[in-house]
Amino acid sequence: PIRNTIIKLLNEYGEEVEIGEKGEICILGDGLARGYTNDYKQTQSSFVINADNELCYRTGDIGKVNEEGKLICLGRRDNQIKIRGHRIELEEIENVVIEIEGIIDAAACYEKNTEYEKIIVFFTASTLINKESVLKNLRNRIMDYMIPQIIIQVDNLIYNSNGKKDRKALLGLYKKKSIYELECSNVKLDLVSVVMDLIYKYIGNYSYDLTLEMDFKQIGMDSIGYVSLMVDIEKYCGIEFEDKILALDYFASVRELIIYISNKLLIE
């Protein structure tokens, strides 16, 4: 689109990829600068010589050319991960999640340590979404190695000062919640996450230091909010509470509620 400017998609060895293959979007041509002013380190990182001995600028964006010859931007190189031997872009997962009915936005995160690696997806939606239905949808549309191990619905995603999704902050939110999951190991971990997500939704403050030992008055819920919480849990879990359960002081703690739901699911 710009005279004397060339766009090439290069692999990690500086070689041009085939049509349909992913590569980093690089810029070449007469108008290309020689580097960043007074920034040698950034220049060395971004201005490189490709396999054809040409100077090119690495944009950091991953893309591919489709069969129609159109350049498709898939996401940032920073968000490219390697899991089970496969390179994937986190935005690829996000784009598929966002296409699911009812879901507004999504952020895919990757966590790895010496014991495990996992993909965690946070999403916002216009209504409460059953996570199993999300997983079922994803299994039909993306490769198995791209399927997230954890899915968490939140009221809002977290963005940094540049308006980009703050994956590090979102992972921090997950790690905080995973403490609750480990504390309640006698029930399904996803159930703990669901109940915690719903409670956070009603108190409206995800930075609140919520624990499983708190009762609902301590959390700051009133009777109306508590009943609404129970109704959402009924819808999500496909169960029905007796009238006595709808009393604000029925459960002595959040833990008791979760164990009660778990036992009810086993019975039904």
C-alpha atoms as a PDB file:
ATOM      1  CA  PRO A   1       0.000   0.000   0.000  1.00  0.00           C
ATOM      2  CA  ILE A   2       3.011   2.323   0.400  1.00  0.00           C
ATOM      3  CA  ARG A   3       5.439   2.934  -2.471  1.00  0.00           C
ATOM      4  CA  ASN A   4       8.860   1.264  -2.061  1.00  0.00           C
ATOM      5  CA  THR A   5       7.630  -0.577   1.022  1.00  0.00           C
ATOM      6  CA  ILE A   6       7.504  -4.371   1.267  1.00  0.00           C
ATOM      7  CA  ILE A   7       5.736  -6.523   3.862  1.00  0.00           C
ATOM      8  CA  LYS A   8       7.052 -10.012   4.525  1.00  0.00           C
ATOM      9  CA  LEU A   9       6.057 -12.696   7.014  1.00  0.00           C
ATOM     10  CA  LEU A  10       9.153 -14.290   8.500  1.00  0.00           C
ATOM     11  CA  ASN A  11       9.687 -17.302  10.727  1.00  0.00           C
ATOM     12  CA  GLU A  12      12.082 -17.448  13.671  1.00  0.00           C
ATOM     13  CA  TYR A  13      14.998 -18.102  11.275  1.00  0.00           C
ATOM     14  CA  GLY A  14      14.293 -14.995   9.180  1.00  0.00           C
ATOM     15  CA  GLU A  15      12.843 -17.027   6.307  1.00  0.00           C
ATOM     16  CA  GLU A  16       9.673 -16.044   4.467  1.00  0.00           C
ATOM     17  CA  VAL A  17       6.743 -18.360   5.276  1.00  0.00           C
ATOM     18  CA  GLU A  18       4.309 -19.926   2.817  1.00  0.00           C
ATOM     19  CA  ILE A  19       0.742 -18.693   2.218  1.00  0.00           C
ATOM     20  CA  GLY A  20      -1.449 -19.751   5.134  1.00  0.00           C
ATOM     21  CA  GLU A  21       1.491 -20.153   7.514  1.00  0.00           C
ATOM     22  CA  LYS A  22       2.031 -17.871  10.493  1.00  0.00           C
ATOM     23  CA  GLY A  23       4.941 -15.497  10.628  1.00  0.00           C
ATOM     24  CA  GLU A  24       6.041 -12.217  12.145  1.00  0.00           C
ATOM     25  CA  ILE A  25       5.003  -9.188  10.101  1.00  0.00           C
ATOM     26  CA  CYS A  26       8.171  -7.416   8.984  1.00  0.00           C
ATOM     27  CA  ILE A  27       8.662  -4.213   6.973  1.00  0.00           C
ATOM     28  CA  LEU A  28      11.333  -3.702   4.302  1.00  0.00           C
ATOM     29  CA  GLY A  29      12.005  -1.078   1.658  1.00  0.00           C
ATOM     30  CA  ASP A  30      13.706   2.206   0.785  1.00  0.00           C
ATOM     31  CA  GLY A  31      11.769   4.125   3.426  1.00  0.00           C
ATOM     32  CA  LEU A  32      12.913   1.924   6.293  1.00  0.00           C
ATOM     33  CA  ALA A  33      14.847   3.669   9.054  1.00  0.00           C
ATOM     34  CA  ARG A  34      18.212   2.373  10.233  1.00  0.00           C
ATOM     35  CA  GLY A  35      17.176   2.096  13.844  1.00  0.00           C
ATOM     36  CA  TYR A  36      15.970   3.912  16.934  1.00  0.00           C
ATOM     37  CA  THR A  37      17.642   7.166  17.884  1.00  0.00           C
ATOM     38  CA  ASN A  38      19.953   6.705  20.887  1.00  0.00           C
ATOM     39  CA  ASP A  39      18.537   3.240  21.634  1.00  0.00           C
ATOM     40  CA  TYR A  40      21.059   0.621  20.538  1.00  0.00           C
ATOM     41  CA  LYS A  41      19.414  -2.255  22.432  1.00  0.00           C
ATOM     42  CA  GLN A  42      15.981  -1.700  20.879  1.00  0.00           C
ATOM     43  CA  THR A  43      17.549  -1.235  17.450  1.00  0.00           C
ATOM     44  CA  GLN A  44      19.365  -4.570  17.716  1.00  0.00           C
ATOM     45  CA  SER A  45      16.124  -6.263  18.726  1.00  0.00           C
ATOM     46  CA  SER A  46      13.802  -4.779  16.106  1.00  0.00           C
ATOM     47  CA  PHE A  47      15.993  -4.057  13.062  1.00  0.00           C
ATOM     48  CA  VAL A  48      17.405  -7.350  11.815  1.00  0.00           C
ATOM     49  CA  ILE A  49      18.855  -8.978   8.703  1.00  0.00           C
ATOM     50  CA  ASN A  50      16.637 -11.687   7.235  1.00  0.00           C
ATOM     51  CA  ALA A  51      17.641 -14.921   5.484  1.00  0.00           C
ATOM     52  CA  ASP A  52      17.882 -13.030   2.157  1.00  0.00           C
ATOM     53  CA  ASN A  53      20.382 -10.574   3.685  1.00  0.00           C
ATOM     54  CA  GLU A  54      17.828  -7.726   3.737  1.00  0.00           C
ATOM     55  CA  LEU A  55      17.360  -5.213   6.540  1.00  0.00           C
ATOM     56  CA  CYS A  56      13.860  -5.430   7.974  1.00  0.00           C
ATOM     57  CA  TYR A  57      11.880  -4.102  10.882  1.00  0.00           C
ATOM     58  CA  ARG A  58      10.185  -6.629  13.165  1.00  0.00           C
ATOM     59  CA  THR A  59       6.780  -5.207  14.122  1.00  0.00           C
ATOM     60  CA  GLY A  60       6.111  -7.776  16.842  1.00  0.00           C
ATOM     61  CA  ASP A  61       2.791  -8.690  15.199  1.00  0.00           C
ATOM     62  CA  ILE A  62       2.031 -12.248  14.090  1.00  0.00           C
ATOM     63  CA  GLY A  63       0.026 -12.715  10.899  1.00  0.00           C
ATOM     64  CA  LYS A  64      -0.679 -14.885   7.893  1.00  0.00           C
ATOM     65  CA  VAL A  65      -1.768 -14.393   4.285  1.00  0.00           C
ATOM     66  CA  ASN A  66      -5.017 -16.143   3.405  1.00  0.00           C
ATOM     67  CA  GLU A  67      -5.945 -17.736   0.069  1.00  0.00           C
ATOM     68  CA  GLU A  68      -7.388 -14.414  -1.117  1.00  0.00           C
ATOM     69  CA  GLY A  69      -4.031 -12.733  -0.596  1.00  0.00           C
ATOM     70  CA  LYS A  70      -5.216 -10.702   2.391  1.00  0.00           C
ATOM     71  CA  LEU A  71      -2.924 -10.143   5.352  1.00  0.00           C
ATOM     72  CA  ILE A  72      -4.562 -11.303   8.602  1.00  0.00           C
ATOM     73  CA  CYS A  73      -3.148 -10.046  11.896  1.00  0.00           C
ATOM     74  CA  LEU A  74      -3.401 -12.772  14.544  1.00  0.00           C
ATOM     75  CA  GLY A  75      -1.888 -11.062  17.575  1.00  0.00           C
ATOM     76  CA  ARG A  76       1.319  -9.945  19.238  1.00  0.00           C
ATOM     77  CA  ARG A  77       4.557 -11.922  19.340  1.00  0.00           C
ATOM     78  CA  ASP A  78       4.637 -11.208  23.086  1.00  0.00           C
ATOM     79  CA  ASN A  79       1.422 -13.215  23.414  1.00  0.00           C
ATOM     80  CA  GLN A  80       2.708 -16.205  21.474  1.00  0.00           C
ATOM     81  CA  ILE A  81       3.244 -19.261  23.654  1.00  0.00           C
ATOM     82  CA  LYS A  82       4.514 -22.781  23.133  1.00  0.00           C
ATOM     83  CA  ILE A  83       2.464 -25.503  24.774  1.00  0.00           C
ATOM     84  CA  ARG A  84       2.872 -29.233  24.223  1.00  0.00           C
ATOM     85  CA  GLY A  85       5.224 -28.491  21.326  1.00  0.00           C
ATOM     86  CA  HIS A  86       2.766 -26.187  19.521  1.00  0.00           C
ATOM     87  CA  ARG A  87       3.125 -22.436  19.034  1.00  0.00           C
ATOM     88  CA  ILE A  88      -0.156 -20.560  19.450  1.00  0.00           C
ATOM     89  CA  GLU A  89      -1.287 -16.962  19.858  1.00  0.00           C
ATOM     90  CA  LEU A  90      -3.433 -16.229  22.891  1.00  0.00           C
ATOM     91  CA  GLU A  91      -5.543 -13.871  20.740  1.00  0.00           C
ATOM     92  CA  GLU A  92      -6.576 -16.852  18.607  1.00  0.00           C
ATOM     93  CA  ILE A  93      -8.289 -18.371  21.634  1.00  0.00           C
ATOM     94  CA  GLU A  94      -9.809 -15.032  22.631  1.00  0.00           C
ATOM     95  CA  ASN A  95     -11.288 -14.469  19.175  1.00  0.00           C
ATOM     96  CA  VAL A  96     -13.087 -17.818  19.268  1.00  0.00           C
ATOM     97  CA  VAL A  97     -14.361 -17.247  22.834  1.00  0.00           C
ATOM     98  CA  ILE A  98     -15.743 -13.819  21.899  1.00  0.00           C
ATOM     99  CA  GLU A  99     -17.777 -15.379  19.081  1.00  0.00           C
ATOM    100  CA  ILE A 100     -19.752 -17.486  21.600  1.00  0.00           C
ATOM    101  CA  GLU A 101     -23.260 -16.105  22.101  1.00  0.00           C
ATOM    102  CA  GLY A 102     -23.581 -13.881  25.166  1.00  0.00           C
ATOM    103  CA  ILE A 103     -19.847 -13.315  25.639  1.00  0.00           C
ATOM    104  CA  ILE A 104     -18.669  -9.711  25.283  1.00  0.00           C
ATOM    105  CA  ASP A 105     -14.888  -9.881  25.647  1.00  0.00           C
ATOM    106  CA  ALA A 106     -12.187 -12.325  26.702  1.00  0.00           C
ATOM    107  CA  ALA A 107      -8.546 -12.471  27.753  1.00  0.00           C
ATOM    108  CA  ALA A 108      -6.477 -15.641  27.488  1.00  0.00           C
ATOM    109  CA  CYS A 109      -3.519 -15.983  29.853  1.00  0.00           C
ATOM    110  CA  TYR A 110      -0.740 -18.531  30.147  1.00  0.00           C
ATOM    111  CA  GLU A 111       0.863 -19.734  33.355  1.00  0.00           C
ATOM    112  CA  LYS A 112       3.778 -22.129  33.619  1.00  0.00           C
ATOM    113  CA  ASN A 113       5.939 -23.369  36.456  1.00  0.00           C
ATOM    114  CA  THR A 114       7.976 -26.488  37.227  1.00  0.00           C
ATOM    115  CA  GLU A 115       4.840 -28.513  38.003  1.00  0.00           C
ATOM    116  CA  TYR A 116       2.352 -27.546  35.287  1.00  0.00           C
ATOM    117  CA  GLU A 117       1.396 -25.259  32.428  1.00  0.00           C
ATOM    118  CA  LYS A 118      -2.122 -24.043  31.795  1.00  0.00           C
ATOM    119  CA  ILE A 119      -4.202 -21.657  29.728  1.00  0.00           C
ATOM    120  CA  ILE A 120      -6.640 -19.547  31.736  1.00  0.00           C
ATOM    121  CA  VAL A 121      -9.438 -17.596  30.046  1.00  0.00           C
ATOM    122  CA  PHE A 122     -11.238 -14.676  31.684  1.00  0.00           C
ATOM    123  CA  PHE A 123     -14.395 -13.433  29.995  1.00  0.00           C
ATOM    124  CA  THR A 124     -17.194 -10.932  30.422  1.00  0.00           C
ATOM    125  CA  ALA A 125     -20.747 -11.610  29.332  1.00  0.00           C
ATOM    126  CA  SER A 126     -24.191 -10.082  29.230  1.00  0.00           C
ATOM    127  CA  THR A 127     -25.508 -12.862  31.504  1.00  0.00           C
ATOM    128  CA  LEU A 128     -24.223 -15.745  33.604  1.00  0.00           C
ATOM    129  CA  ILE A 129     -22.629 -18.282  31.237  1.00  0.00           C
ATOM    130  CA  ASN A 130     -22.282 -22.000  31.973  1.00  0.00           C
ATOM    131  CA  LYS A 131     -18.573 -22.750  31.647  1.00  0.00           C
ATOM    132  CA  GLU A 132     -19.172 -26.301  30.448  1.00  0.00           C
ATOM    133  CA  SER A 133     -21.085 -24.918  27.467  1.00  0.00           C
ATOM    134  CA  VAL A 134     -18.117 -22.654  26.698  1.00  0.00           C
ATOM    135  CA  LEU A 135     -15.725 -25.602  26.795  1.00  0.00           C
ATOM    136  CA  LYS A 136     -18.031 -27.695  24.619  1.00  0.00           C
ATOM    137  CA  ASN A 137     -18.146 -24.891  22.065  1.00  0.00           C
ATOM    138  CA  LEU A 138     -14.357 -24.506  22.084  1.00  0.00           C
ATOM    139  CA  ARG A 139     -13.760 -28.250  21.687  1.00  0.00           C
ATOM    140  CA  ASN A 140     -15.665 -28.113  18.406  1.00  0.00           C
ATOM    141  CA  ARG A 141     -13.720 -25.146  17.053  1.00  0.00           C
ATOM    142  CA  ILE A 142     -10.070 -25.203  18.170  1.00  0.00           C
ATOM    143  CA  MET A 143      -7.338 -27.803  18.626  1.00  0.00           C
ATOM    144  CA  ASP A 144      -7.271 -29.724  21.899  1.00  0.00           C
ATOM    145  CA  TYR A 145      -3.932 -28.211  22.962  1.00  0.00           C
ATOM    146  CA  MET A 146      -5.563 -24.746  22.773  1.00  0.00           C
ATOM    147  CA  ILE A 147      -8.439 -25.635  25.128  1.00  0.00           C
ATOM    148  CA  PRO A 148      -8.142 -23.618  28.387  1.00  0.00           C
ATOM    149  CA  GLN A 149      -7.830 -25.548  31.636  1.00  0.00           C
ATOM    150  CA  ILE A 150      -9.508 -22.785  33.658  1.00  0.00           C
ATOM    151  CA  ILE A 151     -12.385 -20.477  32.637  1.00  0.00           C
ATOM    152  CA  ILE A 152     -13.453 -17.594  34.864  1.00  0.00           C
ATOM    153  CA  GLN A 153     -16.323 -15.181  34.261  1.00  0.00           C
ATOM    154  CA  VAL A 154     -15.703 -11.668  35.600  1.00  0.00           C
ATOM    155  CA  ASP A 155     -17.624  -8.402  35.516  1.00  0.00           C
ATOM    156  CA  ASN A 156     -14.751  -6.533  33.855  1.00  0.00           C
ATOM    157  CA  LEU A 157     -11.373  -7.349  32.374  1.00  0.00           C
ATOM    158  CA  ILE A 158      -8.313  -5.469  33.612  1.00  0.00           C
ATOM    159  CA  TYR A 159      -6.516  -3.059  31.257  1.00  0.00           C
ATOM    160  CA  ASN A 160      -3.172  -1.279  31.601  1.00  0.00           C
ATOM    161  CA  SER A 161      -2.517   2.423  31.075  1.00  0.00           C
ATOM    162  CA  ASN A 162      -2.131   1.836  27.317  1.00  0.00           C
ATOM    163  CA  GLY A 163      -5.593   0.331  27.069  1.00  0.00           C
ATOM    164  CA  LYS A 164      -4.279  -3.201  26.511  1.00  0.00           C
ATOM    165  CA  LYS A 165      -5.462  -6.262  28.420  1.00  0.00           C
ATOM    166  CA  ASP A 166      -3.368  -6.640  31.559  1.00  0.00           C
ATOM    167  CA  ARG A 167      -2.754 -10.400  31.556  1.00  0.00           C
ATOM    168  CA  LYS A 168      -0.368 -10.219  34.503  1.00  0.00           C
ATOM    169  CA  ALA A 169      -2.992  -8.534  36.685  1.00  0.00           C
ATOM    170  CA  LEU A 170      -5.624 -11.057  35.577  1.00  0.00           C
ATOM    171  CA  LEU A 171      -3.301 -13.927  36.490  1.00  0.00           C
ATOM    172  CA  GLY A 172      -2.882 -12.312  39.887  1.00  0.00           C
ATOM    173  CA  LEU A 173      -6.662 -12.391  40.270  1.00  0.00           C
ATOM    174  CA  TYR A 174      -6.704 -16.101  39.372  1.00  0.00           C
ATOM    175  CA  LYS A 175      -3.902 -16.929  41.819  1.00  0.00           C
ATOM    176  CA  LYS A 176      -5.829 -15.201  44.567  1.00  0.00           C
ATOM    177  CA  LYS A 177      -8.882 -17.278  43.782  1.00  0.00           C
ATOM    178  CA  SER A 178      -6.884 -20.502  43.500  1.00  0.00           C
ATOM    179  CA  ILE A 179      -6.145 -20.184  47.223  1.00  0.00           C
ATOM    180  CA  TYR A 180      -9.845 -20.632  47.862  1.00  0.00           C
ATOM    181  CA  GLU A 181      -9.906 -23.653  45.575  1.00  0.00           C
ATOM    182  CA  LEU A 182      -7.093 -25.352  47.478  1.00  0.00           C
ATOM    183  CA  GLU A 183      -8.699 -24.538  50.834  1.00  0.00           C
ATOM    184  CA  CYS A 184     -11.815 -26.412  49.788  1.00  0.00           C
ATOM    185  CA  SER A 185     -10.246 -29.524  48.254  1.00  0.00           C
ATOM    186  CA  ASN A 186     -13.135 -31.810  49.222  1.00  0.00           C
ATOM    187  CA  VAL A 187     -15.375 -30.313  46.517  1.00  0.00           C
ATOM    188  CA  LYS A 188     -15.001 -29.688  42.796  1.00  0.00           C
ATOM    189  CA  LEU A 189     -12.545 -26.843  42.206  1.00  0.00           C
ATOM    190  CA  ASP A 190     -14.723 -25.358  39.469  1.00  0.00           C
ATOM    191  CA  LEU A 191     -17.656 -25.149  41.892  1.00  0.00           C
ATOM    192  CA  VAL A 192     -15.553 -23.098  44.314  1.00  0.00           C
ATOM    193  CA  SER A 193     -14.567 -20.775  41.470  1.00  0.00           C
ATOM    194  CA  VAL A 194     -18.197 -20.402  40.375  1.00  0.00           C
ATOM    195  CA  VAL A 195     -19.461 -19.480  43.852  1.00  0.00           C
ATOM    196  CA  MET A 196     -16.576 -17.087  44.471  1.00  0.00           C
ATOM    197  CA  ASP A 197     -17.137 -15.414  41.089  1.00  0.00           C
ATOM    198  CA  LEU A 198     -20.819 -14.903  41.880  1.00  0.00           C
ATOM    199  CA  ILE A 199     -20.140 -13.501  45.345  1.00  0.00           C
ATOM    200  CA  TYR A 200     -17.612 -11.048  43.917  1.00  0.00           C
ATOM    201  CA  LYS A 201     -20.228 -10.059  41.344  1.00  0.00           C
ATOM    202  CA  TYR A 202     -22.713  -9.096  44.049  1.00  0.00           C
ATOM    203  CA  ILE A 203     -20.291  -7.298  46.322  1.00  0.00           C
ATOM    204  CA  GLY A 204     -18.889  -5.496  43.262  1.00  0.00           C
ATOM    205  CA  ASN A 205     -15.278  -5.415  44.437  1.00  0.00           C
ATOM    206  CA  TYR A 206     -12.779  -7.968  43.098  1.00  0.00           C
ATOM    207  CA  SER A 207      -9.996  -6.638  45.304  1.00  0.00           C
ATOM    208  CA  TYR A 208     -12.008  -7.440  48.458  1.00  0.00           C
ATOM    209  CA  ASP A 209     -10.195  -9.925  50.706  1.00  0.00           C
ATOM    210  CA  LEU A 210     -12.838 -12.645  50.622  1.00  0.00           C
ATOM    211  CA  THR A 211     -12.274 -15.942  52.494  1.00  0.00           C
ATOM    212  CA  LEU A 212     -14.211 -19.190  52.719  1.00  0.00           C
ATOM    213  CA  GLU A 213     -14.705 -18.786  56.474  1.00  0.00           C
ATOM    214  CA  MET A 214     -16.691 -15.531  56.200  1.00  0.00           C
ATOM    215  CA  ASP A 215     -20.447 -15.511  56.601  1.00  0.00           C
ATOM    216  CA  PHE A 216     -22.612 -13.483  54.227  1.00  0.00           C
ATOM    217  CA  LYS A 217     -23.257 -10.653  56.677  1.00  0.00           C
ATOM    218  CA  GLN A 218     -19.501 -10.210  57.151  1.00  0.00           C
ATOM    219  CA  ILE A 219     -19.127  -9.990  53.401  1.00  0.00           C
ATOM    220  CA  GLY A 220     -21.666  -7.173  53.397  1.00  0.00           C
ATOM    221  CA  MET A 221     -24.561  -8.866  51.629  1.00  0.00           C
ATOM    222  CA  ASP A 222     -28.152  -7.988  52.403  1.00  0.00           C
ATOM    223  CA  SER A 223     -31.122 -10.361  52.089  1.00  0.00           C
ATOM    224  CA  ILE A 224     -31.972  -9.237  48.537  1.00  0.00           C
ATOM    225  CA  GLY A 225     -28.413  -9.732  47.280  1.00  0.00           C
ATOM    226  CA  TYR A 226     -28.183 -13.111  49.018  1.00  0.00           C
ATOM    227  CA  VAL A 227     -31.423 -14.376  47.460  1.00  0.00           C
ATOM    228  CA  SER A 228     -30.262 -13.168  44.043  1.00  0.00           C
ATOM    229  CA  LEU A 229     -26.998 -15.057  44.587  1.00  0.00           C
ATOM    230  CA  MET A 230     -28.910 -18.247  45.411  1.00  0.00           C
ATOM    231  CA  VAL A 231     -31.062 -17.849  42.290  1.00  0.00           C
ATOM    232  CA  ASP A 232     -27.946 -17.533  40.105  1.00  0.00           C
ATOM    233  CA  ILE A 233     -26.415 -20.622  41.737  1.00  0.00           C
ATOM    234  CA  GLU A 234     -29.629 -22.552  41.074  1.00  0.00           C
ATOM    235  CA  LYS A 235     -29.532 -21.564  37.400  1.00  0.00           C
ATOM    236  CA  TYR A 236     -25.857 -22.390  36.975  1.00  0.00           C
ATOM    237  CA  CYS A 237     -25.853 -25.706  38.847  1.00  0.00           C
ATOM    238  CA  GLY A 238     -29.323 -26.874  37.822  1.00  0.00           C
ATOM    239  CA  ILE A 239     -30.483 -27.371  41.413  1.00  0.00           C
ATOM    240  CA  GLU A 240     -33.272 -25.970  43.555  1.00  0.00           C
ATOM    241  CA  PHE A 241     -32.862 -24.671  47.109  1.00  0.00           C
ATOM    242  CA  GLU A 242     -35.444 -25.167  49.843  1.00  0.00           C
ATOM    243  CA  ASP A 243     -37.009 -21.988  51.207  1.00  0.00           C
ATOM    244  CA  LYS A 244     -35.031 -22.246  54.469  1.00  0.00           C
ATOM    245  CA  ILE A 245     -31.763 -21.933  52.489  1.00  0.00           C
ATOM    246  CA  LEU A 246     -32.799 -18.456  51.385  1.00  0.00           C
ATOM    247  CA  ALA A 247     -32.335 -17.053  54.894  1.00  0.00           C
ATOM    248  CA  LEU A 248     -29.267 -14.808  55.033  1.00  0.00           C
ATOM    249  CA  ASP A 249     -27.926 -16.446  58.203  1.00  0.00           C
ATOM    250  CA  TYR A 250     -28.597 -20.090  57.237  1.00  0.00           C
ATOM    251  CA  PHE A 251     -24.979 -20.890  56.391  1.00  0.00           C
ATOM    252  CA  ALA A 252     -22.275 -20.076  58.916  1.00  0.00           C
ATOM    253  CA  SER A 253     -19.699 -19.582  56.159  1.00  0.00           C
ATOM    254  CA  VAL A 254     -19.156 -19.579  52.408  1.00  0.00           C
ATOM    255  CA  ARG A 255     -17.422 -22.947  52.840  1.00  0.00           C
ATOM    256  CA  GLU A 256     -20.625 -24.453  54.273  1.00  0.00           C
ATOM    257  CA  LEU A 257     -22.620 -23.221  51.274  1.00  0.00           C
ATOM    258  CA  ILE A 258     -20.135 -24.749  48.819  1.00  0.00           C
ATOM    259  CA  ILE A 259     -20.099 -28.110  50.616  1.00  0.00           C
ATOM    260  CA  TYR A 260     -23.911 -28.077  50.738  1.00  0.00           C
ATOM    261  CA  ILE A 261     -24.102 -27.454  46.961  1.00  0.00           C
ATOM    262  CA  SER A 262     -21.527 -30.197  46.301  1.00  0.00           C
ATOM    263  CA  ASN A 263     -23.497 -32.739  48.355  1.00  0.00           C
ATOM    264  CA  LYS A 264     -26.737 -31.710  46.655  1.00  0.00           C
ATOM    265  CA  LEU A 265     -25.171 -32.221  43.222  1.00  0.00           C
ATOM    266  CA  LEU A 266     -24.018 -35.706  44.249  1.00  0.00           C
ATOM    267  CA  ILE A 267     -27.532 -36.631  45.415  1.00  0.00           C
ATOM    268  CA  GLU A 268     -29.293 -35.222  42.354  1.00  0.00           C
END
